Amino acid sequence: MDDQTFKIKLKEIIEAFSSEDFELAIKKAEDFQKELQNQDEKIFVKNIIKIITAANLVNQQKLEESLQILESCYLELKNYSPTYKGLKVENLLQSVNQSIADIKAIIKK
């Protein structure tokens, strides 16, 4: 898929995620993933789905499960850094890493 179309589709997913409509964001991401042919694109979107799922788990107070998912995503998304299809993956990795640290701090309390 061309970079511009890829970014537009991801923006729609991120908008749903930002409004905390996690179910809609996951649905949009899963539908988008089905459209993709390229394996790298599919893996990237799979990790976006996992990040959304992890955020939803935090809201449900399932911190340890969320932590495991985020750590897995971080490792996989590092392969796409610093940019992928014009997206600043490095910024996403920093956010994921911060979320991991925040969750670990909460669990230790």
C-alpha atoms as a PDB file:
ATOM      1  CA  MET A   1       0.000   0.000   0.000  1.00  0.00           C
ATOM      2  CA  ASP A   2       1.323   3.453  -0.738  1.00  0.00           C
ATOM      3  CA  ASP A   3       2.609   5.449   2.220  1.00  0.00           C
ATOM      4  CA  GLN A   4      -0.032   8.199   2.036  1.00  0.00           C
ATOM      5  CA  THR A   5      -2.988   5.790   2.066  1.00  0.00           C
ATOM      6  CA  PHE A   6      -1.356   3.818   4.879  1.00  0.00           C
ATOM      7  CA  LYS A   7      -0.978   6.986   6.979  1.00  0.00           C
ATOM      8  CA  ILE A   8      -4.587   8.070   6.325  1.00  0.00           C
ATOM      9  CA  LYS A   9      -5.924   4.696   7.467  1.00  0.00           C
ATOM     10  CA  LEU A  10      -3.732   4.763  10.587  1.00  0.00           C
ATOM     11  CA  LYS A  11      -4.919   8.289  11.367  1.00  0.00           C
ATOM     12  CA  GLU A  12      -8.537   7.046  11.424  1.00  0.00           C
ATOM     13  CA  ILE A  13      -7.530   4.310  13.869  1.00  0.00           C
ATOM     14  CA  ILE A  14      -5.608   6.751  16.062  1.00  0.00           C
ATOM     15  CA  GLU A  15      -8.567   9.144  16.152  1.00  0.00           C
ATOM     16  CA  ALA A  16     -10.813   6.372  17.502  1.00  0.00           C
ATOM     17  CA  PHE A  17      -8.087   5.386  19.975  1.00  0.00           C
ATOM     18  CA  SER A  18      -7.629   9.005  21.111  1.00  0.00           C
ATOM     19  CA  SER A  19     -11.334   9.302  21.828  1.00  0.00           C
ATOM     20  CA  GLU A  20     -10.940   6.153  23.954  1.00  0.00           C
ATOM     21  CA  ASP A  21     -13.296   4.183  21.737  1.00  0.00           C
ATOM     22  CA  PHE A  22     -11.006   1.187  21.941  1.00  0.00           C
ATOM     23  CA  GLU A  23     -13.466  -1.276  20.410  1.00  0.00           C
ATOM     24  CA  LEU A  24     -13.929   0.929  17.334  1.00  0.00           C
ATOM     25  CA  ALA A  25     -10.183   1.488  17.040  1.00  0.00           C
ATOM     26  CA  ILE A  26      -9.521  -2.254  17.192  1.00  0.00           C
ATOM     27  CA  LYS A  27     -12.283  -2.959  14.647  1.00  0.00           C
ATOM     28  CA  LYS A  28     -10.882  -0.336  12.247  1.00  0.00           C
ATOM     29  CA  ALA A  29      -7.354  -1.693  12.692  1.00  0.00           C
ATOM     30  CA  GLU A  30      -8.447  -5.302  12.137  1.00  0.00           C
ATOM     31  CA  ASP A  31     -10.361  -4.308   8.993  1.00  0.00           C
ATOM     32  CA  PHE A  32      -7.331  -2.371   7.776  1.00  0.00           C
ATOM     33  CA  GLN A  33      -5.042  -5.306   8.490  1.00  0.00           C
ATOM     34  CA  LYS A  34      -7.248  -7.559   6.317  1.00  0.00           C
ATOM     35  CA  GLU A  35      -6.770  -5.151   3.384  1.00  0.00           C
ATOM     36  CA  LEU A  36      -2.998  -5.381   3.549  1.00  0.00           C
ATOM     37  CA  GLN A  37      -0.901  -7.682   1.391  1.00  0.00           C
ATOM     38  CA  ASN A  38       2.577  -6.738   2.626  1.00  0.00           C
ATOM     39  CA  GLN A  39       3.749  -8.795   5.628  1.00  0.00           C
ATOM     40  CA  ASP A  40       5.653  -5.877   7.219  1.00  0.00           C
ATOM     41  CA  GLU A  41       2.535  -3.707   7.043  1.00  0.00           C
ATOM     42  CA  LYS A  42       0.445  -6.474   8.612  1.00  0.00           C
ATOM     43  CA  ILE A  43       2.912  -6.894  11.484  1.00  0.00           C
ATOM     44  CA  PHE A  44       3.049  -3.143  12.067  1.00  0.00           C
ATOM     45  CA  VAL A  45      -0.760  -2.894  12.237  1.00  0.00           C
ATOM     46  CA  LYS A  46      -0.917  -6.020  14.428  1.00  0.00           C
ATOM     47  CA  ASN A  47       1.255  -4.179  16.932  1.00  0.00           C
ATOM     48  CA  ILE A  48      -0.988  -1.112  16.763  1.00  0.00           C
ATOM     49  CA  ILE A  49      -3.907  -3.419  17.638  1.00  0.00           C
ATOM     50  CA  LYS A  50      -1.888  -4.797  20.553  1.00  0.00           C
ATOM     51  CA  ILE A  51      -1.149  -1.279  21.842  1.00  0.00           C
ATOM     52  CA  ILE A  52      -4.847  -0.398  21.729  1.00  0.00           C
ATOM     53  CA  THR A  53      -5.673  -3.673  23.492  1.00  0.00           C
ATOM     54  CA  ALA A  54      -3.072  -2.914  26.171  1.00  0.00           C
ATOM     55  CA  ALA A  55      -4.584   0.531  26.777  1.00  0.00           C
ATOM     56  CA  ASN A  56      -8.001  -1.049  27.145  1.00  0.00           C
ATOM     57  CA  LEU A  57      -6.576  -3.546  29.646  1.00  0.00           C
ATOM     58  CA  VAL A  58      -5.130  -0.693  31.717  1.00  0.00           C
ATOM     59  CA  ASN A  59      -8.647   0.772  31.927  1.00  0.00           C
ATOM     60  CA  GLN A  60      -9.820  -2.618  33.190  1.00  0.00           C
ATOM     61  CA  GLN A  61      -7.028  -2.635  35.821  1.00  0.00           C
ATOM     62  CA  LYS A  62      -5.352  -5.629  34.154  1.00  0.00           C
ATOM     63  CA  LEU A  63      -1.907  -4.086  34.458  1.00  0.00           C
ATOM     64  CA  GLU A  64       0.314  -7.147  34.268  1.00  0.00           C
ATOM     65  CA  GLU A  65      -1.385  -8.392  31.113  1.00  0.00           C
ATOM     66  CA  SER A  66      -1.104  -4.931  29.575  1.00  0.00           C
ATOM     67  CA  LEU A  67       2.574  -4.759  30.520  1.00  0.00           C
ATOM     68  CA  GLN A  68       3.335  -8.061  28.775  1.00  0.00           C
ATOM     69  CA  ILE A  69       1.624  -6.900  25.591  1.00  0.00           C
ATOM     70  CA  LEU A  70       3.411  -3.539  25.571  1.00  0.00           C
ATOM     71  CA  GLU A  71       6.819  -5.117  26.122  1.00  0.00           C
ATOM     72  CA  SER A  72       6.167  -7.470  23.208  1.00  0.00           C
ATOM     73  CA  CYS A  73       5.071  -4.567  20.985  1.00  0.00           C
ATOM     74  CA  TYR A  74       8.110  -2.535  21.903  1.00  0.00           C
ATOM     75  CA  LEU A  75      10.447  -5.305  20.794  1.00  0.00           C
ATOM     76  CA  GLU A  76       8.623  -5.844  17.501  1.00  0.00           C
ATOM     77  CA  LEU A  77       8.223  -2.148  16.664  1.00  0.00           C
ATOM     78  CA  LYS A  78      11.934  -1.489  17.225  1.00  0.00           C
ATOM     79  CA  ASN A  79      12.432  -3.172  13.848  1.00  0.00           C
ATOM     80  CA  TYR A  80      10.516  -0.297  12.208  1.00  0.00           C
ATOM     81  CA  SER A  81      12.426   2.531  13.896  1.00  0.00           C
ATOM     82  CA  PRO A  82      13.184   5.387  13.409  1.00  0.00           C
ATOM     83  CA  THR A  83      10.548   5.805  10.674  1.00  0.00           C
ATOM     84  CA  TYR A  84       8.214   3.561   8.730  1.00  0.00           C
ATOM     85  CA  LYS A  85       6.189   4.725   5.735  1.00  0.00           C
ATOM     86  CA  GLY A  86       6.802   8.333   6.780  1.00  0.00           C
ATOM     87  CA  LEU A  87       5.632   7.707  10.360  1.00  0.00           C
ATOM     88  CA  LYS A  88       7.903   8.583  13.287  1.00  0.00           C
ATOM     89  CA  VAL A  89       8.041   5.180  14.930  1.00  0.00           C
ATOM     90  CA  GLU A  90      10.662   6.490  17.353  1.00  0.00           C
ATOM     91  CA  ASN A  91       7.980   8.705  18.942  1.00  0.00           C
ATOM     92  CA  LEU A  92       5.634   5.730  19.247  1.00  0.00           C
ATOM     93  CA  LEU A  93       8.404   3.680  20.848  1.00  0.00           C
ATOM     94  CA  GLN A  94       9.042   6.440  23.378  1.00  0.00           C
ATOM     95  CA  SER A  95       5.338   6.485  24.286  1.00  0.00           C
ATOM     96  CA  VAL A  96       5.222   2.707  24.634  1.00  0.00           C
ATOM     97  CA  ASN A  97       8.384   2.730  26.734  1.00  0.00           C
ATOM     98  CA  GLN A  98       6.923   5.450  28.990  1.00  0.00           C
ATOM     99  CA  SER A  99       3.726   3.431  29.394  1.00  0.00           C
ATOM    100  CA  ILE A 100       5.782   0.376  30.341  1.00  0.00           C
ATOM    101  CA  ALA A 101       7.645   2.403  32.983  1.00  0.00           C
ATOM    102  CA  ASP A 102       4.398   3.897  34.321  1.00  0.00           C
ATOM    103  CA  ILE A 103       2.738   0.503  34.627  1.00  0.00           C
ATOM    104  CA  LYS A 104       5.781  -0.997  36.346  1.00  0.00           C
ATOM    105  CA  ALA A 105       5.741   1.874  38.849  1.00  0.00           C
ATOM    106  CA  ILE A 106       2.061   1.275  39.608  1.00  0.00           C
ATOM    107  CA  ILE A 107       2.548  -2.482  40.006  1.00  0.00           C
ATOM    108  CA  LYS A 108       5.432  -1.960  42.477  1.00  0.00           C
ATOM    109  CA  LYS A 109       3.263   0.146  44.821  1.00  0.00           C
END
